[in-house]
PDB file of N, CA and C in Angstrom:
ATOM      1  N   MET A   1     106.633  64.746 117.645  1.00  0.00           N
ATOM      2  CA  MET A   1     106.238  66.140 117.754  1.00  0.00           C
ATOM      3  C   MET A   1     104.886  66.328 117.089  1.00  0.00           C
ATOM      4  N   GLY A   2     104.213  67.375 117.495  1.00  0.00           N
ATOM      5  CA  GLY A   2     102.911  67.705 116.917  1.00  0.00           C
ATOM      6  C   GLY A   2     103.046  68.725 115.803  1.00  0.00           C
ATOM      7  N   LYS A   3     101.946  69.388 115.540  1.00  0.00           N
ATOM      8  CA  LYS A   3     101.925  70.406 114.505  1.00  0.00           C
ATOM      9  C   LYS A   3     101.397  71.698 115.097  1.00  0.00           C
ATOM     10  N   VAL A   4     101.767  72.817 114.453  1.00  0.00           N
ATOM     11  CA  VAL A   4     101.267  74.117 114.855  1.00  0.00           C
ATOM     12  C   VAL A   4     100.641  74.819 113.651  1.00  0.00           C
ATOM     13  N   ALA A   5      99.611  75.606 113.933  1.00  0.00           N
ATOM     14  CA  ALA A   5      98.993  76.453 112.906  1.00  0.00           C
ATOM     15  C   ALA A   5      99.603  77.845 113.056  1.00  0.00           C
ATOM     16  N   VAL A   6     100.113  78.352 111.956  1.00  0.00           N
ATOM     17  CA  VAL A   6     100.789  79.647 111.965  1.00  0.00           C
ATOM     18  C   VAL A   6     100.059  80.589 111.008  1.00  0.00           C
ATOM     19  N   ILE A   7      99.824  81.809 111.455  1.00  0.00           N
ATOM     20  CA  ILE A   7      99.244  82.844 110.587  1.00  0.00           C
ATOM     21  C   ILE A   7     100.290  83.926 110.431  1.00  0.00           C
ATOM     22  N   LEU A   8     100.562  84.278 109.173  1.00  0.00           N
ATOM     23  CA  LEU A   8     101.558  85.301 108.878  1.00  0.00           C
ATOM     24  C   LEU A   8     100.947  86.394 108.023  1.00  0.00           C
ATOM     25  N   LYS A   9     101.486  87.581 108.158  1.00  0.00           N
ATOM     26  CA  LYS A   9     101.091  88.722 107.349  1.00  0.00           C
ATOM     27  C   LYS A   9     102.266  89.062 106.451  1.00  0.00           C
ATOM     28  N   LEU A  10     102.037  88.993 105.137  1.00  0.00           N
ATOM     29  CA  LEU A  10     103.076  89.267 104.169  1.00  0.00           C
ATOM     30  C   LEU A  10     102.829  90.616 103.510  1.00  0.00           C
ATOM     31  N   MET A  11     103.831  91.476 103.553  1.00  0.00           N
ATOM     32  CA  MET A  11     103.708  92.791 102.925  1.00  0.00           C
ATOM     33  C   MET A  11     104.477  92.786 101.611  1.00  0.00           C
ATOM     34  N   PRO A  12     103.832  93.201 100.523  1.00  0.00           N
ATOM     35  CA  PRO A  12     104.530  93.279  99.237  1.00  0.00           C
ATOM     36  C   PRO A  12     105.516  94.442  99.230  1.00  0.00           C
ATOM     37  N   GLU A  13     106.449  94.387  98.279  1.00  0.00           N
ATOM     38  CA  GLU A  13     107.447  95.452  98.174  1.00  0.00           C
ATOM     39  C   GLU A  13     106.823  96.794  97.796  1.00  0.00           C
ATOM     40  N   SER A  14     105.732  96.752  97.018  1.00  0.00           N
ATOM     41  CA  SER A  14     105.032  97.980  96.635  1.00  0.00           C
ATOM     42  C   SER A  14     103.615  97.637  96.194  1.00  0.00           C
ATOM     43  N   ALA A  15     102.806  98.684  95.989  1.00  0.00           N
ATOM     44  CA  ALA A  15     101.444  98.490  95.522  1.00  0.00           C
ATOM     45  C   ALA A  15     101.417  98.023  94.065  1.00  0.00           C
ATOM     46  N   ASP A  16     102.550  98.157  93.369  1.00  0.00           N
ATOM     47  CA  ASP A  16     102.626  97.748  91.965  1.00  0.00           C
ATOM     48  C   ASP A  16     102.790  96.253  91.786  1.00  0.00           C
ATOM     49  N   VAL A  17     103.106  95.533  92.847  1.00  0.00           N
ATOM     50  CA  VAL A  17     103.285  94.072  92.762  1.00  0.00           C
ATOM     51  C   VAL A  17     101.902  93.427  92.742  1.00  0.00           C
ATOM     52  N   PRO A  18     101.574  92.670  91.668  1.00  0.00           N
ATOM     53  CA  PRO A  18     100.265  92.018  91.590  1.00  0.00           C
ATOM     54  C   PRO A  18     100.077  91.004  92.721  1.00  0.00           C
ATOM     55  N   ILE A  19      99.014  91.177  93.507  1.00  0.00           N
ATOM     56  CA  ILE A  19      98.765  90.321  94.670  1.00  0.00           C
ATOM     57  C   ILE A  19      98.521  88.875  94.259  1.00  0.00           C
ATOM     58  N   GLU A  20      97.886  88.674  93.100  1.00  0.00           N
ATOM     59  CA  GLU A  20      97.635  87.321  92.606  1.00  0.00           C
ATOM     60  C   GLU A  20      98.934  86.594  92.291  1.00  0.00           C
ATOM     61  N   GLU A  21      99.903  87.337  91.763  1.00  0.00           N
ATOM     62  CA  GLU A  21     101.211  86.762  91.457  1.00  0.00           C
ATOM     63  C   GLU A  21     101.945  86.379  92.751  1.00  0.00           C
ATOM     64  N   LEU A  22     101.822  87.199  93.772  1.00  0.00           N
ATOM     65  CA  LEU A  22     102.435  86.869  95.058  1.00  0.00           C
ATOM     66  C   LEU A  22     101.822  85.604  95.647  1.00  0.00           C
ATOM     67  N   GLU A  23     100.510  85.478  95.554  1.00  0.00           N
ATOM     68  CA  GLU A  23      99.828  84.272  96.040  1.00  0.00           C
ATOM     69  C   GLU A  23     100.409  83.030  95.375  1.00  0.00           C
ATOM     70  N   LYS A  24     100.562  83.116  94.062  1.00  0.00           N
ATOM     71  CA  LYS A  24     101.096  81.978  93.290  1.00  0.00           C
ATOM     72  C   LYS A  24     102.514  81.629  93.746  1.00  0.00           C
ATOM     73  N   ARG A  25     103.353  82.650  93.908  1.00  0.00           N
ATOM     74  CA  ARG A  25     104.747  82.420  94.322  1.00  0.00           C
ATOM     75  C   ARG A  25     104.817  81.796  95.716  1.00  0.00           C
ATOM     76  N   VAL A  26     103.963  82.264  96.623  1.00  0.00           N
ATOM     77  CA  VAL A  26     103.945  81.734  97.982  1.00  0.00           C
ATOM     78  C   VAL A  26     103.546  80.271  97.968  1.00  0.00           C
ATOM     79  N   LYS A  27     102.511  79.921  97.205  1.00  0.00           N
ATOM     80  CA  LYS A  27     102.052  78.533  97.129  1.00  0.00           C
ATOM     81  C   LYS A  27     103.123  77.622  96.542  1.00  0.00           C
ATOM     82  N   GLU A  28     103.926  78.138  95.598  1.00  0.00           N
ATOM     83  CA  GLU A  28     104.988  77.356  94.980  1.00  0.00           C
ATOM     84  C   GLU A  28     106.169  77.173  95.937  1.00  0.00           C
ATOM     85  N   THR A  29     106.373  78.106  96.851  1.00  0.00           N
ATOM     86  CA  THR A  29     107.529  78.095  97.733  1.00  0.00           C
ATOM     87  C   THR A  29     107.306  77.280  99.002  1.00  0.00           C
ATOM     88  N   VAL A  30     106.103  77.345  99.562  1.00  0.00           N
ATOM     89  CA  VAL A  30     105.845  76.746 100.867  1.00  0.00           C
ATOM     90  C   VAL A  30     104.749  75.705 100.773  1.00  0.00           C
ATOM     91  N   SER A  31     105.007  74.519 101.312  1.00  0.00           N
ATOM     92  CA  SER A  31     103.959  73.499 101.379  1.00  0.00           C
ATOM     93  C   SER A  31     103.239  73.645 102.717  1.00  0.00           C
ATOM     94  N   GLY A  32     102.060  73.094 102.815  1.00  0.00           N
ATOM     95  CA  GLY A  32     101.298  73.148 104.049  1.00  0.00           C
ATOM     96  C   GLY A  32     100.449  74.395 104.197  1.00  0.00           C
ATOM     97  N   ILE A  33     100.310  75.175 103.108  1.00  0.00           N
ATOM     98  CA  ILE A  33      99.475  76.362 103.145  1.00  0.00           C
ATOM     99  C   ILE A  33      98.009  75.947 103.168  1.00  0.00           C
ATOM    100  N   ASP A  34      97.267  76.412 104.155  1.00  0.00           N
ATOM    101  CA  ASP A  34      95.834  76.118 104.233  1.00  0.00           C
ATOM    102  C   ASP A  34      94.999  77.188 103.558  1.00  0.00           C
ATOM    103  N   GLU A  35      95.410  78.437 103.726  1.00  0.00           N
ATOM    104  CA  GLU A  35      94.604  79.538 103.216  1.00  0.00           C
ATOM    105  C   GLU A  35      95.489  80.746 102.952  1.00  0.00           C
ATOM    106  N   ILE A  36      95.184  81.434 101.861  1.00  0.00           N
ATOM    107  CA  ILE A  36      95.825  82.717 101.564  1.00  0.00           C
ATOM    108  C   ILE A  36      94.702  83.678 101.174  1.00  0.00           C
ATOM    109  N   ARG A  37      94.731  84.862 101.768  1.00  0.00           N
ATOM    110  CA  ARG A  37      93.745  85.861 101.371  1.00  0.00           C
ATOM    111  C   ARG A  37      94.362  87.243 101.410  1.00  0.00           C
ATOM    112  N   ALA A  38      93.878  88.093 100.514  1.00  0.00           N
ATOM    113  CA  ALA A  38      94.348  89.477 100.458  1.00  0.00           C
ATOM    114  C   ALA A  38      93.609  90.293 101.500  1.00  0.00           C
ATOM    115  N   GLU A  39      94.325  91.200 102.133  1.00  0.00           N
ATOM    116  CA  GLU A  39      93.750  92.089 103.143  1.00  0.00           C
ATOM    117  C   GLU A  39      94.125  93.523 102.784  1.00  0.00           C
ATOM    118  N   PRO A  40      93.143  94.335 102.365  1.00  0.00           N
ATOM    119  CA  PRO A  40      93.453  95.728 101.990  1.00  0.00           C
ATOM    120  C   PRO A  40      94.073  96.488 103.175  1.00  0.00           C
ATOM    121  N   ILE A  41      95.124  97.229 102.886  1.00  0.00           N
ATOM    122  CA  ILE A  41      95.816  98.038 103.893  1.00  0.00           C
ATOM    123  C   ILE A  41      95.442  99.516 103.708  1.00  0.00           C
ATOM    124  N   GLY A  42      95.495  99.992 102.471  1.00  0.00           N
ATOM    125  CA  GLY A  42      95.184 101.380 102.149  1.00  0.00           C
ATOM    126  C   GLY A  42      96.024 101.877 100.997  1.00  0.00           C
ATOM    127  N   PHE A  43      95.530 102.898 100.312  1.00  0.00           N
ATOM    128  CA  PHE A  43      96.249 103.524  99.203  1.00  0.00           C
ATOM    129  C   PHE A  43      96.611 102.505  98.122  1.00  0.00           C
ATOM    130  N   GLY A  44      95.721 101.540  97.878  1.00  0.00           N
ATOM    131  CA  GLY A  44      95.943 100.535  96.834  1.00  0.00           C
ATOM    132  C   GLY A  44      96.848  99.395  97.233  1.00  0.00           C
ATOM    133  N   LEU A  45      97.314  99.392  98.467  1.00  0.00           N
ATOM    134  CA  LEU A  45      98.218  98.340  98.931  1.00  0.00           C
ATOM    135  C   LEU A  45      97.433  97.271  99.699  1.00  0.00           C
ATOM    136  N   SER A  46      97.724  96.021  99.382  1.00  0.00           N
ATOM    137  CA  SER A  46      97.124  94.894 100.096  1.00  0.00           C
ATOM    138  C   SER A  46      98.210  94.006 100.652  1.00  0.00           C
ATOM    139  N   ALA A  47      97.935  93.429 101.809  1.00  0.00           N
ATOM    140  CA  ALA A  47      98.838  92.440 102.411  1.00  0.00           C
ATOM    141  C   ALA A  47      98.231  91.066 102.163  1.00  0.00           C
ATOM    142  N   LEU A  48      99.042  90.035 102.301  1.00  0.00           N
ATOM    143  CA  LEU A  48      98.536  88.671 102.227  1.00  0.00           C
ATOM    144  C   LEU A  48      98.538  88.087 103.631  1.00  0.00           C
ATOM    145  N   LYS A  49      97.430  87.484 104.014  1.00  0.00           N
ATOM    146  CA  LYS A  49      97.354  86.734 105.266  1.00  0.00           C
ATOM    147  C   LYS A  49      97.465  85.272 104.873  1.00  0.00           C
ATOM    148  N   VAL A  50      98.437  84.582 105.442  1.00  0.00           N
ATOM    149  CA  VAL A  50      98.711  83.191 105.095  1.00  0.00           C
ATOM    150  C   VAL A  50      98.551  82.337 106.342  1.00  0.00           C
ATOM    151  N   ALA A  51      97.780  81.261 106.206  1.00  0.00           N
ATOM    152  CA  ALA A  51      97.626  80.293 107.283  1.00  0.00           C
ATOM    153  C   ALA A  51      98.301  79.003 106.824  1.00  0.00           C
ATOM    154  N   ALA A  52      99.209  78.477 107.640  1.00  0.00           N
ATOM    155  CA  ALA A  52      99.932  77.265 107.303  1.00  0.00           C
ATOM    156  C   ALA A  52     100.019  76.346 108.508  1.00  0.00           C
ATOM    157  N   VAL A  53     100.154  75.061 108.241  1.00  0.00           N
ATOM    158  CA  VAL A  53     100.354  74.067 109.289  1.00  0.00           C
ATOM    159  C   VAL A  53     101.753  73.488 109.106  1.00  0.00           C
ATOM    160  N   ILE A  54     102.574  73.593 110.175  1.00  0.00           N
ATOM    161  CA  ILE A  54     103.946  73.114 110.107  1.00  0.00           C
ATOM    162  C   ILE A  54     104.246  72.249 111.325  1.00  0.00           C
ATOM    163  N   GLU A  55     105.362  71.543 111.267  1.00  0.00           N
ATOM    164  CA  GLU A  55     105.785  70.715 112.397  1.00  0.00           C
ATOM    165  C   GLU A  55     106.170  71.590 113.583  1.00  0.00           C
ATOM    166  N   ASP A  56     105.879  71.136 114.769  1.00  0.00           N
ATOM    167  CA  ASP A  56     106.205  71.846 115.993  1.00  0.00           C
ATOM    168  C   ASP A  56     107.637  71.497 116.396  1.00  0.00           C
ATOM    169  N   GLU A  57     108.584  72.140 115.741  1.00  0.00           N
ATOM    170  CA  GLU A  57     110.008  71.923 116.004  1.00  0.00           C
ATOM    171  C   GLU A  57     110.661  73.255 116.304  1.00  0.00           C
ATOM    172  N   GLU A  58     111.745  73.209 117.047  1.00  0.00           N
ATOM    173  CA  GLU A  58     112.473  74.436 117.352  1.00  0.00           C
ATOM    174  C   GLU A  58     112.949  75.110 116.062  1.00  0.00           C
ATOM    175  N   GLY A  59     112.646  76.382 115.909  1.00  0.00           N
ATOM    176  CA  GLY A  59     113.089  77.149 114.751  1.00  0.00           C
ATOM    177  C   GLY A  59     112.210  77.000 113.512  1.00  0.00           C
ATOM    178  N   ALA A  60     111.156  76.209 113.581  1.00  0.00           N
ATOM    179  CA  ALA A  60     110.317  75.979 112.403  1.00  0.00           C
ATOM    180  C   ALA A  60     109.588  77.239 111.958  1.00  0.00           C
ATOM    181  N   THR A  61     109.087  78.022 112.908  1.00  0.00           N
ATOM    182  CA  THR A  61     108.382  79.250 112.533  1.00  0.00           C
ATOM    183  C   THR A  61     109.343  80.282 111.955  1.00  0.00           C
ATOM    184  N   ASP A  62     110.547  80.364 112.512  1.00  0.00           N
ATOM    185  CA  ASP A  62     111.549  81.291 111.970  1.00  0.00           C
ATOM    186  C   ASP A  62     111.961  80.890 110.567  1.00  0.00           C
ATOM    187  N   ALA A  63     112.100  79.591 110.321  1.00  0.00           N
ATOM    188  CA  ALA A  63     112.459  79.104 108.992  1.00  0.00           C
ATOM    189  C   ALA A  63     111.357  79.424 107.987  1.00  0.00           C
ATOM    190  N   LEU A  64     110.104  79.243 108.394  1.00  0.00           N
ATOM    191  CA  LEU A  64     108.978  79.562 107.518  1.00  0.00           C
ATOM    192  C   LEU A  64     108.971  81.054 107.189  1.00  0.00           C
ATOM    193  N   GLU A  65     109.158  81.875 108.198  1.00  0.00           N
ATOM    194  CA  GLU A  65     109.198  83.321 108.001  1.00  0.00           C
ATOM    195  C   GLU A  65     110.314  83.704 107.028  1.00  0.00           C
ATOM    196  N   SER A  66     111.475  83.115 107.180  1.00  0.00           N
ATOM    197  CA  SER A  66     112.620  83.400 106.297  1.00  0.00           C
ATOM    198  C   SER A  66     112.353  82.974 104.871  1.00  0.00           C
ATOM    199  N   ARG A  67     111.751  81.778 104.691  1.00  0.00           N
ATOM    200  CA  ARG A  67     111.437  81.296 103.340  1.00  0.00           C
ATOM    201  C   ARG A  67     110.458  82.235 102.652  1.00  0.00           C
ATOM    202  N   LEU A  68     109.473  82.724 103.393  1.00  0.00           N
ATOM    203  CA  LEU A  68     108.494  83.636 102.801  1.00  0.00           C
ATOM    204  C   LEU A  68     109.093  84.998 102.482  1.00  0.00           C
ATOM    205  N   GLU A  69     109.991  85.490 103.328  1.00  0.00           N
ATOM    206  CA  GLU A  69     110.645  86.770 103.040  1.00  0.00           C
ATOM    207  C   GLU A  69     111.560  86.679 101.826  1.00  0.00           C
ATOM    208  N   ALA A  70     111.992  85.476 101.470  1.00  0.00           N
ATOM    209  CA  ALA A  70     112.848  85.277 100.312  1.00  0.00           C
ATOM    210  C   ALA A  70     112.065  85.248  99.000  1.00  0.00           C
ATOM    211  N   VAL A  71     110.745  85.167  99.079  1.00  0.00           N
ATOM    212  CA  VAL A  71     109.912  85.156  97.865  1.00  0.00           C
ATOM    213  C   VAL A  71     110.009  86.499  97.177  1.00  0.00           C
ATOM    214  N   ASP A  72     110.240  86.476  95.869  1.00  0.00           N
ATOM    215  CA  ASP A  72     110.358  87.690  95.077  1.00  0.00           C
ATOM    216  C   ASP A  72     109.073  88.501  95.172  1.00  0.00           C
ATOM    217  N   GLY A  73     109.191  89.764  95.565  1.00  0.00           N
ATOM    218  CA  GLY A  73     108.036  90.644  95.678  1.00  0.00           C
ATOM    219  C   GLY A  73     107.545  90.834  97.109  1.00  0.00           C
ATOM    220  N   ILE A  74     108.048  90.022  98.041  1.00  0.00           N
ATOM    221  CA  ILE A  74     107.650  90.137  99.452  1.00  0.00           C
ATOM    222  C   ILE A  74     108.687  91.005 100.175  1.00  0.00           C
ATOM    223  N   ALA A  75     108.223  92.067 100.829  1.00  0.00           N
ATOM    224  CA  ALA A  75     109.131  92.929 101.596  1.00  0.00           C
ATOM    225  C   ALA A  75     109.347  92.360 102.994  1.00  0.00           C
ATOM    226  N   THR A  76     108.245  92.008 103.682  1.00  0.00           N
ATOM    227  CA  THR A  76     108.357  91.475 105.029  1.00  0.00           C
ATOM    228  C   THR A  76     107.332  90.376 105.271  1.00  0.00           C
ATOM    229  N   ALA A  77     107.684  89.466 106.152  1.00  0.00           N
ATOM    230  CA  ALA A  77     106.765  88.422 106.619  1.00  0.00           C
ATOM    231  C   ALA A  77     106.754  88.505 108.138  1.00  0.00           C
ATOM    232  N   GLN A  78     105.576  88.654 108.707  1.00  0.00           N
ATOM    233  CA  GLN A  78     105.454  88.811 110.157  1.00  0.00           C
ATOM    234  C   GLN A  78     104.503  87.754 110.699  1.00  0.00           C
ATOM    235  N   ILE A  79     104.946  87.023 111.716  1.00  0.00           N
ATOM    236  CA  ILE A  79     104.098  86.026 112.354  1.00  0.00           C
ATOM    237  C   ILE A  79     103.074  86.759 113.217  1.00  0.00           C
ATOM    238  N   VAL A  80     101.790  86.489 112.958  1.00  0.00           N
ATOM    239  CA  VAL A  80     100.711  87.135 113.661  1.00  0.00           C
ATOM    240  C   VAL A  80     100.191  86.250 114.792  1.00  0.00           C
ATOM    241  N   ASP A  81     100.146  84.936 114.552  1.00  0.00           N
ATOM    242  CA  ASP A  81      99.575  84.028 115.540  1.00  0.00           C
ATOM    243  C   ASP A  81     100.163  82.621 115.344  1.00  0.00           C
ATOM    244  N   VAL A  82     100.341  81.909 116.451  1.00  0.00           N
ATOM    245  CA  VAL A  82     100.797  80.522 116.437  1.00  0.00           C
ATOM    246  C   VAL A  82      99.960  79.748 117.457  1.00  0.00           C
ATOM    247  N   ASN A  83      99.389  78.622 117.020  1.00  0.00           N
ATOM    248  CA  ASN A  83      98.583  77.782 117.912  1.00  0.00           C
ATOM    249  C   ASN A  83      98.974  76.327 117.748  1.00  0.00           C
ATOM    250  N   ARG A  84      99.157  75.649 118.853  1.00  0.00           N
ATOM    251  CA  ARG A  84      99.462  74.224 118.812  1.00  0.00           C
ATOM    252  C   ARG A  84      98.173  73.482 118.461  1.00  0.00           C
ATOM    253  N   MET A  85      98.280  72.546 117.522  1.00  0.00           N
ATOM    254  CA  MET A  85      97.116  71.767 117.115  1.00  0.00           C
ATOM    255  C   MET A  85      96.987  70.550 118.018  1.00  0.00           C
ATOM    256  N   ILE A  86      95.771  70.223 118.353  1.00  0.00           N
ATOM    257  CA  ILE A  86      95.498  69.090 119.235  1.00  0.00           C
ATOM    258  C   ILE A  86      95.020  67.918 118.406  1.00  0.00           C
TER     259      ILE A  86
END
């Protein structure tokens, strides 16, 4: 099997959750993270955009999404884009 590049948008539980702390927790939870960056949403709230490379297997993106939603301080994880790597 090949690999896929996945971009996810992670929403914190509230604006009170430190975005730097969320970045640290995400990096500790998931391997294969290429990039994490904060994206301002409004009213002091920022989302995290996460780019990761994972194996192209059935259910792999759903598993990644579930692992990220289980991170303390993350309200939702939404897959924004998936691309097969050549």
